[in-house]
Amino acid sequence: MNQGAEYRGGGSQSLIAEIIRLGQEAGEIRQDISAKLLVKQIDILRSVVVMDWLNDPSSLELRKEIAKLVDLFLDGALIKEGSQ
């Protein structure tokens, strides 16, 4: 059950949408939230990180910050058993 699995955006948004769709099909990403909404939310978060980097490129390593963002988005901020 993929609600809004297709995303009509371009570039990296289409790639993110495909990854989310595949994750939903595999049961790894929740299906009660549409892929389109998940793509929109992660794109908003990514835009904030990029804007911070554009304001001061020396303040962060963009790739590392985006990787942290994706981890936070997919795994949440909750402490999971065995991690700390």
Protein backbone atom coordinates (compact mmCIF):
# COMPACT_ATOMS: atom_id res chain seq x y z
CA MET A 1 0.00 0.00 0.00
CA ASN A 2 1.98 2.97 -1.25
CA GLN A 3 0.22 6.24 -0.78
CA GLY A 4 1.64 8.80 -3.17
CA ALA A 5 4.67 6.70 -4.05
CA GLU A 6 5.20 8.66 -7.24
CA TYR A 7 6.87 12.01 -6.87
CA ARG A 8 6.87 14.40 -9.78
CA GLY A 9 9.80 16.49 -8.55
CA GLY A 10 13.14 16.27 -10.26
CA GLY A 11 16.73 15.46 -9.53
CA SER A 12 17.55 14.24 -6.06
CA GLN A 13 13.90 14.40 -5.01
CA SER A 14 13.07 11.64 -7.49
CA LEU A 15 15.94 9.55 -6.15
CA ILE A 16 14.81 10.07 -2.55
CA ALA A 17 11.23 9.20 -3.55
CA GLU A 18 12.40 5.96 -5.15
CA ILE A 19 14.44 5.00 -2.07
CA ILE A 20 11.45 5.71 0.18
CA ARG A 21 9.10 3.79 -2.12
CA LEU A 22 11.39 0.77 -2.10
CA GLY A 23 11.72 1.00 1.68
CA GLN A 24 7.94 1.11 2.03
CA GLU A 25 7.53 -1.90 -0.24
CA ALA A 26 10.12 -3.81 1.80
CA GLY A 27 8.35 -2.90 5.04
CA GLU A 28 11.36 -0.93 6.29
CA ILE A 29 9.69 2.49 6.09
CA ARG A 30 6.22 3.09 7.43
CA GLN A 31 3.44 3.13 4.88
CA ASP A 32 0.89 5.19 6.77
CA ILE A 33 2.65 8.36 5.62
CA SER A 34 2.82 9.00 1.90
CA ALA A 35 6.18 8.85 0.15
CA LYS A 36 5.42 12.29 -1.27
CA LEU A 37 5.09 13.79 2.22
CA LEU A 38 8.25 12.03 3.44
CA VAL A 39 10.18 13.39 0.44
CA LYS A 40 8.86 16.89 1.09
CA GLN A 41 9.86 16.76 4.76
CA ILE A 42 13.38 15.46 4.17
CA ASP A 43 13.83 18.04 1.40
CA ILE A 44 12.85 20.84 3.79
CA LEU A 45 15.36 19.61 6.37
CA ARG A 46 18.05 19.24 3.72
CA SER A 47 17.40 22.79 2.52
CA VAL A 48 17.99 24.17 6.01
CA VAL A 49 21.35 22.38 6.26
CA VAL A 50 22.38 23.63 2.82
CA MET A 51 21.37 27.21 3.71
CA ASP A 52 23.49 27.03 6.87
CA TRP A 53 26.40 25.76 4.81
CA LEU A 54 25.94 28.48 2.18
CA ASN A 55 25.95 31.15 4.90
CA ASP A 56 29.23 29.83 6.31
CA PRO A 57 30.85 26.93 4.41
CA SER A 58 33.55 26.57 7.06
CA SER A 59 30.97 25.94 9.79
CA LEU A 60 30.17 22.37 8.78
CA GLU A 61 31.03 19.54 6.42
CA LEU A 62 28.00 19.37 4.15
CA ARG A 63 28.19 15.64 3.34
CA LYS A 64 28.53 14.69 7.01
CA GLU A 65 25.66 16.94 8.04
CA ILE A 66 23.39 15.56 5.32
CA ALA A 67 24.29 12.00 6.41
CA LYS A 68 23.39 12.89 10.02
CA LEU A 69 20.13 14.41 8.80
CA VAL A 70 19.18 11.26 6.89
CA ASP A 71 20.01 9.09 9.92
CA LEU A 72 17.92 11.29 12.18
CA PHE A 73 15.05 11.36 9.71
CA LEU A 74 14.99 7.60 9.18
CA ASP A 75 15.91 6.43 12.69
CA GLY A 76 14.44 9.20 14.81
CA ALA A 77 15.91 10.72 17.93
CA LEU A 78 14.90 7.95 20.29
CA ILE A 79 17.57 5.88 21.96
CA LYS A 80 17.33 2.36 20.65
CA GLU A 81 18.22 -0.70 22.68
CA GLY A 82 21.95 -1.34 22.53
CA SER A 83 22.91 2.11 21.27
CA GLN A 84 24.32 4.96 23.33
